[in-house]
Amino acid sequence: MVDLEHPVIEFRNVTKRFGDVTAVVENDLAVRAGEFLSILGPSGCGKTTSLRMMAGFEQPSEGHVFISGEDVTGVPAYRRPVNMVFQHYALFPHLSVADNVSYGLRQRRPKPGRAELAREVANALAMVRLDGYEKRRTHELSGGQQQRVALARALINRPAVLLLDEPLAALDRKLRREMQIELQTLQRDVGITFLLVTHDQEEALSMSDRVCVMREGRISQSGSPRELYDRPVNRYVADFVGKSNFFPGPTADTIVSVRPELVEIAAHEADLPSGLDRHLSVKVLNRIFLGENTEYRVVHERLGEFTVVTPRKSERSSGTFEIGNTAATGWRPEAALVLDAN
């Protein structure tokens, strides 16, 4: 259950500089206990630097980091109640699965006994569905299994927060999707706060309770996946979270955004649904078959090129459009969002 009153991690006016480069700029962030939060953004936006400051691998140039209400600014990583899963897992190839998973526990003083270590390892591996893999070597495991070992090694220490640095980036698309579901399930089962850093917007939207979109060291917008998709605050967020068409706005400082799946398309204007705000005659420039959807690139004489996405289900009644065809398009008034262009 997400605790809205007591954040488990806080940034208060945090800035991080590396020489002349400012990677994170005056950020405030509260990570709620029990939530799955993703920090989303392109390479170089400051998301991994933010994660490393939470872990204690980097310290802020200005501002403060709090964990469970305690100021941990300047506290080293090994003294913080967080664990981190790295993009390439950082497993020890010369150790067995059991020894990898128990590594953190074996560094404690006093060191747990053999029976306790074996019990804790078995419990951690059961959490990630690797029961019975204790004696395997890491090179004998698939990419997905190696990622689960890294998760078990982090979870065995019962951290207040689990930090995930693009842990699915090395996996193929099918396995990545399977692991997204497994991570969601695991987070709900163990009840630990998960904080994921990713550049993959589908990954962030599909897994998270809340997403923070970063740009050039700052948080541009924070909200639920639906809030970010349906109500982006500016062009950057609308463009980064999903796909969007952009048209000239009422002033030079604004633009109009319309999601491609909210644009209707038909052979003739009379075939369009009622209640549309726009009726545009367009020419089809390109068609891409995407399985469950078809994506059309069309052009209007005044508004220029834009994208229309139609589900296969609707094409059974309306048919498809060939390159060079003319068509009618339009959208409802609520589909058009006026946004800050900057």
Protein backbone atom coordinates (compact mmCIF):
# COMPACT_ATOMS: atom_id res chain seq x y z
CA MET A 1 0.00 0.00 0.00
CA VAL A 2 1.34 3.43 -0.96
CA ASP A 3 1.95 5.74 2.03
CA LEU A 4 1.07 9.26 0.84
CA GLU A 5 2.06 10.98 4.09
CA HIS A 6 5.59 9.70 4.67
CA PRO A 7 7.94 9.75 1.68
CA VAL A 8 10.66 7.11 1.82
CA ILE A 9 13.06 9.19 -0.31
CA GLU A 10 13.13 12.96 -0.72
CA PHE A 11 15.18 15.36 -2.79
CA ARG A 12 15.11 18.91 -1.45
CA ASN A 13 16.51 21.43 -3.92
CA VAL A 14 19.12 18.92 -5.15
CA THR A 15 21.72 20.02 -7.70
CA LYS A 16 24.62 17.93 -8.99
CA ARG A 17 27.58 19.31 -10.94
CA PHE A 18 30.45 17.51 -12.62
CA GLY A 19 32.95 20.27 -13.26
CA ASP A 20 31.29 22.73 -15.65
CA VAL A 21 28.42 20.35 -16.40
CA THR A 22 25.24 20.56 -14.29
CA ALA A 23 23.57 17.13 -14.47
CA VAL A 24 20.69 17.75 -12.02
CA VAL A 25 19.19 21.20 -11.43
CA GLU A 26 17.41 22.20 -8.19
CA ASN A 27 15.10 19.17 -8.12
CA ASP A 28 12.47 18.47 -5.47
CA LEU A 29 11.10 14.93 -5.41
CA ALA A 30 9.18 12.84 -2.88
CA VAL A 31 9.06 9.07 -3.42
CA ARG A 32 6.15 7.58 -1.52
CA ALA A 33 6.59 4.47 0.56
CA GLY A 34 5.24 1.42 -1.26
CA GLU A 35 4.96 2.95 -4.73
CA PHE A 36 6.51 1.96 -8.05
CA LEU A 37 8.03 5.17 -9.40
CA SER A 38 9.83 5.55 -12.73
CA ILE A 39 12.16 8.35 -13.76
CA LEU A 40 11.86 8.63 -17.53
CA GLY A 41 14.01 10.58 -19.94
CA PRO A 42 16.60 10.46 -22.74
CA SER A 43 20.32 9.87 -22.25
CA GLY A 44 21.99 12.75 -20.45
CA CYS A 45 18.84 14.09 -18.77
CA GLY A 46 20.11 13.40 -15.22
CA LYS A 47 18.00 10.36 -14.34
CA THR A 48 20.86 7.95 -13.55
CA THR A 49 22.74 10.66 -11.64
CA SER A 50 19.59 11.14 -9.53
CA LEU A 51 19.46 7.40 -8.83
CA ARG A 52 23.14 7.31 -7.86
CA MET A 53 22.58 10.17 -5.40
CA MET A 54 19.77 8.19 -3.80
CA ALA A 55 22.04 5.16 -3.55
CA GLY A 56 24.95 7.17 -2.14
CA PHE A 57 27.34 6.56 -5.05
CA GLU A 58 27.22 10.31 -5.74
CA GLN A 59 26.64 13.21 -3.37
CA PRO A 60 24.70 16.42 -4.19
CA SER A 61 26.60 19.59 -4.96
CA GLU A 62 23.72 21.45 -3.30
CA GLY A 63 20.57 20.41 -1.48
CA HIS A 64 19.72 17.40 0.67
CA VAL A 65 18.70 13.76 0.27
CA PHE A 66 16.42 12.18 2.89
CA ILE A 67 15.60 8.48 3.37
CA SER A 68 12.69 7.65 5.69
CA GLY A 69 12.88 11.16 7.12
CA GLU A 70 16.63 11.04 7.89
CA ASP A 71 19.07 13.36 6.14
CA VAL A 72 21.58 11.02 4.45
CA THR A 73 23.45 13.69 2.49
CA GLY A 74 27.10 12.66 2.67
CA VAL A 75 26.30 9.17 4.00
CA PRO A 76 28.08 6.48 1.92
CA ALA A 77 26.19 3.82 -0.04
CA TYR A 78 26.94 0.92 2.33
CA ARG A 79 25.23 2.74 5.20
CA ARG A 80 21.98 3.46 3.35
CA PRO A 81 18.89 1.18 3.54
CA VAL A 82 18.66 0.88 -0.25
CA ASN A 83 19.87 -1.65 -2.78
CA MET A 84 20.56 -1.16 -6.48
CA VAL A 85 20.12 -3.48 -9.48
CA PHE A 86 22.41 -2.40 -12.30
CA GLN A 87 21.79 -2.53 -16.04
CA HIS A 88 24.32 -5.34 -16.51
CA TYR A 89 23.44 -7.02 -13.19
CA ALA A 90 27.08 -7.00 -11.85
CA LEU A 91 26.95 -10.69 -10.87
CA PHE A 92 30.12 -12.52 -9.82
CA PRO A 93 30.85 -15.12 -12.53
CA HIS A 94 33.09 -17.25 -10.28
CA LEU A 95 30.37 -17.65 -7.64
CA SER A 96 27.30 -19.87 -7.61
CA VAL A 97 23.80 -18.44 -7.63
CA ALA A 98 23.54 -19.02 -3.87
CA ASP A 99 26.83 -17.24 -3.19
CA ASN A 100 25.82 -14.32 -5.42
CA VAL A 101 22.49 -13.94 -3.66
CA SER A 102 23.96 -14.25 -0.15
CA TYR A 103 26.91 -11.93 -0.80
CA GLY A 104 25.42 -8.96 1.06
CA LEU A 105 24.38 -11.05 4.06
CA ARG A 106 27.87 -12.57 4.31
CA GLN A 107 29.36 -9.07 4.71
CA ARG A 108 27.39 -8.47 7.91
CA ARG A 109 28.99 -8.68 11.33
CA PRO A 110 28.26 -10.91 13.06
CA LYS A 111 28.03 -13.13 9.98
CA PRO A 112 24.84 -15.25 9.82
CA GLY A 113 25.26 -19.02 10.23
CA ARG A 114 25.11 -21.49 7.35
CA ALA A 115 21.58 -22.63 8.12
CA GLU A 116 20.29 -19.04 8.25
CA LEU A 117 22.09 -18.13 5.01
CA ALA A 118 20.66 -21.18 3.23
CA ARG A 119 17.15 -20.35 4.47
CA GLU A 120 17.38 -16.70 3.42
CA VAL A 121 18.76 -17.63 -0.02
CA ALA A 122 15.99 -20.16 -0.58
CA ASN A 123 13.35 -17.58 0.37
CA ALA A 124 14.88 -14.92 -1.90
CA LEU A 125 15.09 -17.30 -4.87
CA ALA A 126 11.50 -18.42 -4.29
CA MET A 127 10.42 -14.77 -4.53
CA VAL A 128 11.89 -14.53 -8.04
CA ARG A 129 10.82 -18.05 -9.09
CA LEU A 130 14.30 -19.60 -9.13
CA ASP A 131 13.76 -22.33 -6.53
CA GLY A 132 16.45 -24.99 -6.77
CA TYR A 133 18.96 -22.89 -8.70
CA GLU A 134 21.32 -22.41 -5.77
CA LYS A 135 24.21 -24.46 -7.22
CA ARG A 136 24.07 -23.08 -10.77
CA ARG A 137 26.76 -20.78 -12.13
CA THR A 138 25.64 -17.47 -13.59
CA HIS A 139 26.96 -18.34 -17.08
CA GLU A 140 24.53 -21.28 -17.12
CA LEU A 141 21.54 -18.91 -16.82
CA SER A 142 19.55 -17.01 -19.42
CA GLY A 143 19.46 -13.21 -19.40
CA GLY A 144 16.10 -13.20 -17.65
CA GLN A 145 17.33 -15.64 -15.00
CA GLN A 146 20.45 -13.57 -14.39
CA GLN A 147 18.26 -10.54 -13.85
CA ARG A 148 16.21 -12.47 -11.29
CA VAL A 149 19.39 -13.45 -9.44
CA ALA A 150 20.36 -9.77 -9.29
CA LEU A 151 16.90 -8.97 -7.90
CA ALA A 152 17.13 -11.75 -5.31
CA ARG A 153 20.58 -10.49 -4.23
CA ALA A 154 19.09 -7.01 -3.69
CA LEU A 155 15.88 -8.14 -2.01
CA ILE A 156 17.55 -10.52 0.46
CA ASN A 157 18.79 -7.47 2.39
CA ARG A 158 15.20 -6.20 2.79
CA PRO A 159 15.94 -2.64 1.65
CA ALA A 160 13.54 0.23 2.22
CA VAL A 161 13.90 1.06 -1.49
CA LEU A 162 15.01 -1.00 -4.48
CA LEU A 163 16.74 1.14 -7.12
CA LEU A 164 16.63 -0.22 -10.68
CA ASP A 165 19.01 1.27 -13.26
CA GLU A 166 17.55 0.25 -16.66
CA PRO A 167 17.59 -3.43 -15.59
CA LEU A 168 15.69 -4.65 -18.68
CA ALA A 169 17.74 -2.86 -21.35
CA ALA A 170 19.86 -5.92 -22.20
CA LEU A 171 16.86 -8.22 -22.76
CA ASP A 172 15.07 -8.89 -26.05
CA ARG A 173 11.63 -7.39 -26.57
CA LYS A 174 9.59 -10.49 -25.67
CA LEU A 175 11.59 -11.27 -22.53
CA ARG A 176 11.58 -7.60 -21.55
CA ARG A 177 7.78 -7.59 -21.62
CA GLU A 178 7.63 -10.77 -19.51
CA MET A 179 10.02 -9.27 -16.96
CA GLN A 180 7.99 -6.06 -16.79
CA ILE A 181 5.01 -8.11 -15.62
CA GLU A 182 7.18 -10.07 -13.18
CA LEU A 183 8.64 -6.89 -11.67
CA GLN A 184 5.16 -5.45 -11.16
CA THR A 185 4.00 -8.66 -9.48
CA LEU A 186 7.12 -8.87 -7.33
CA GLN A 187 6.78 -5.27 -6.18
CA ARG A 188 3.18 -5.86 -5.12
CA ASP A 189 4.11 -9.09 -3.33
CA VAL A 190 7.07 -7.76 -1.32
CA GLY A 191 5.64 -4.28 -0.71
CA ILE A 192 9.02 -2.55 -1.14
CA THR A 193 9.29 0.83 -2.85
CA PHE A 194 10.67 0.35 -6.39
CA LEU A 195 12.35 3.22 -8.21
CA LEU A 196 13.10 2.54 -11.87
CA VAL A 197 15.25 4.63 -14.21
CA THR A 198 14.52 4.09 -17.92
CA HIS A 199 14.55 5.77 -21.32
CA ASP A 200 11.78 3.43 -22.51
CA GLN A 201 8.41 5.20 -22.26
CA GLU A 202 6.41 1.98 -22.78
CA GLU A 203 8.29 0.39 -19.89
CA ALA A 204 7.63 3.36 -17.59
CA LEU A 205 3.95 3.70 -18.49
CA SER A 206 3.16 -0.01 -18.22
CA MET A 207 4.85 -0.65 -14.86
CA SER A 208 4.59 2.46 -12.72
CA ASP A 209 2.18 4.00 -10.24
CA ARG A 210 3.82 7.34 -11.01
CA VAL A 211 6.28 8.64 -13.62
CA CYS A 212 8.66 11.62 -13.46
CA VAL A 213 9.71 12.89 -16.89
CA MET A 214 13.14 14.53 -16.85
CA ARG A 215 14.71 16.95 -19.30
CA GLU A 216 18.13 18.59 -19.03
CA GLY A 217 18.44 17.89 -15.32
CA ARG A 218 14.95 19.02 -14.33
CA ILE A 219 11.66 17.21 -13.72
CA SER A 220 9.31 18.46 -16.45
CA GLN A 221 6.21 16.70 -15.12
CA SER A 222 5.28 14.08 -12.55
CA GLY A 223 2.04 12.12 -12.44
CA SER A 224 0.31 8.84 -13.10
CA PRO A 225 0.90 7.26 -16.53
CA ARG A 226 -2.63 8.24 -17.57
CA GLU A 227 -2.16 11.85 -16.42
CA LEU A 228 1.08 12.20 -18.39
CA TYR A 229 -0.44 10.68 -21.51
CA ASP A 230 -3.79 12.46 -21.41
CA ARG A 231 -2.67 15.79 -19.91
CA PRO A 232 0.98 16.57 -20.74
CA VAL A 233 2.04 20.05 -19.63
CA ASN A 234 4.14 20.87 -22.69
CA ARG A 235 5.31 19.68 -26.09
CA TYR A 236 8.34 17.87 -24.67
CA VAL A 237 6.26 15.59 -22.43
CA ALA A 238 3.62 14.99 -25.12
CA ASP A 239 6.34 14.07 -27.61
CA PHE A 240 8.31 11.86 -25.21
CA VAL A 241 5.36 10.01 -23.66
CA GLY A 242 3.70 8.25 -26.58
CA LYS A 243 3.25 9.65 -30.07
CA SER A 244 1.57 12.93 -30.89
CA ASN A 245 0.74 15.18 -33.83
CA PHE A 246 1.57 18.86 -33.43
CA PHE A 247 -0.21 21.68 -35.22
CA PRO A 248 0.19 25.49 -34.99
CA GLY A 249 -1.52 26.95 -31.94
CA PRO A 250 -3.44 30.20 -31.39
CA THR A 251 -0.19 32.02 -30.53
CA ALA A 252 3.51 31.49 -31.27
CA ASP A 253 4.07 30.18 -27.70
CA THR A 254 1.54 27.36 -27.99
CA ILE A 255 0.91 24.35 -30.14
CA VAL A 256 -2.04 21.97 -30.52
CA SER A 257 -1.39 18.29 -29.80
CA VAL A 258 -3.60 15.43 -31.04
CA ARG A 259 -2.76 11.78 -30.36
CA PRO A 260 -2.72 9.67 -33.60
CA GLU A 261 -5.20 7.13 -32.25
CA LEU A 262 -7.74 9.92 -31.63
CA VAL A 263 -7.76 10.96 -35.31
CA GLU A 264 -10.63 9.40 -37.29
CA ILE A 265 -10.13 8.45 -40.93
CA ALA A 266 -12.66 7.47 -43.60
CA ALA A 267 -12.89 7.30 -47.37
CA HIS A 268 -15.35 10.22 -47.48
CA GLU A 269 -16.31 13.03 -45.11
CA ALA A 270 -19.85 11.67 -44.88
CA ASP A 271 -18.44 8.42 -43.45
CA LEU A 272 -16.74 10.14 -40.47
CA PRO A 273 -18.42 9.86 -37.05
CA SER A 274 -20.60 12.74 -35.93
CA GLY A 275 -19.41 15.32 -33.42
CA LEU A 276 -15.94 15.89 -34.85
CA ASP A 277 -14.31 19.30 -34.50
CA ARG A 278 -12.25 19.02 -37.67
CA HIS A 279 -12.91 17.71 -41.18
CA LEU A 280 -9.73 17.56 -43.23
CA SER A 281 -9.21 16.20 -46.71
CA VAL A 282 -5.80 14.46 -46.84
CA LYS A 283 -3.62 12.34 -49.08
CA VAL A 284 -2.12 9.06 -47.81
CA LEU A 285 1.70 9.15 -47.99
CA ASN A 286 2.60 5.91 -46.22
CA ARG A 287 1.06 2.89 -44.49
CA ILE A 288 2.72 0.71 -41.82
CA PHE A 289 1.11 -2.53 -40.68
CA LEU A 290 1.70 -2.99 -36.91
CA GLY A 291 -0.33 -6.13 -36.24
CA GLU A 292 -3.15 -4.90 -34.02
CA ASN A 293 -3.01 -1.41 -35.59
CA THR A 294 -2.26 0.25 -38.91
CA GLU A 295 -0.36 3.54 -38.96
CA TYR A 296 -0.99 6.01 -41.80
CA ARG A 297 1.12 9.02 -42.62
CA VAL A 298 -1.07 11.62 -44.33
CA VAL A 299 -0.64 15.19 -45.55
CA HIS A 300 -3.00 18.17 -45.50
CA GLU A 301 -2.43 21.12 -47.81
CA ARG A 302 -2.29 23.64 -44.92
CA LEU A 303 -1.45 21.66 -41.77
CA GLY A 304 1.22 19.48 -43.37
CA GLU A 305 1.99 15.86 -42.48
CA PHE A 306 0.52 13.99 -39.51
CA THR A 307 -0.12 10.43 -38.32
CA VAL A 308 -3.32 8.43 -37.96
CA VAL A 309 -3.45 5.09 -36.11
CA THR A 310 -6.43 2.80 -36.68
CA PRO A 311 -7.18 -0.53 -34.96
CA ARG A 312 -7.60 -3.66 -37.08
CA LYS A 313 -11.13 -4.01 -35.73
CA SER A 314 -12.29 -0.76 -37.31
CA GLU A 315 -10.64 -1.59 -40.62
CA ARG A 316 -12.89 -4.61 -41.02
CA SER A 317 -15.78 -2.22 -41.63
CA SER A 318 -14.05 0.85 -43.09
CA GLY A 319 -11.36 -0.91 -45.12
CA THR A 320 -7.73 0.12 -45.59
CA PHE A 321 -6.22 3.02 -47.49
CA GLU A 322 -3.54 2.69 -50.14
CA ILE A 323 -0.63 5.06 -50.68
CA GLY A 324 -1.82 7.90 -52.90
CA ASN A 325 -5.48 7.59 -51.83
CA THR A 326 -7.40 10.65 -50.68
CA ALA A 327 -9.25 10.34 -47.38
CA ALA A 328 -11.20 12.36 -44.83
CA THR A 329 -9.89 12.84 -41.29
CA GLY A 330 -11.04 14.60 -38.14
CA TRP A 331 -11.06 14.57 -34.36
CA ARG A 332 -13.29 15.50 -31.46
CA PRO A 333 -12.77 18.83 -29.63
CA GLU A 334 -11.49 17.15 -26.46
CA ALA A 335 -8.76 15.36 -28.44
CA ALA A 336 -6.95 18.65 -29.16
CA LEU A 337 -4.74 19.89 -26.32
CA VAL A 338 -3.25 23.40 -26.36
CA LEU A 339 0.28 23.12 -24.92
CA ASP A 340 3.32 25.20 -24.14
CA ALA A 341 5.48 24.93 -27.26
CA ASN A 342 8.79 25.34 -25.39
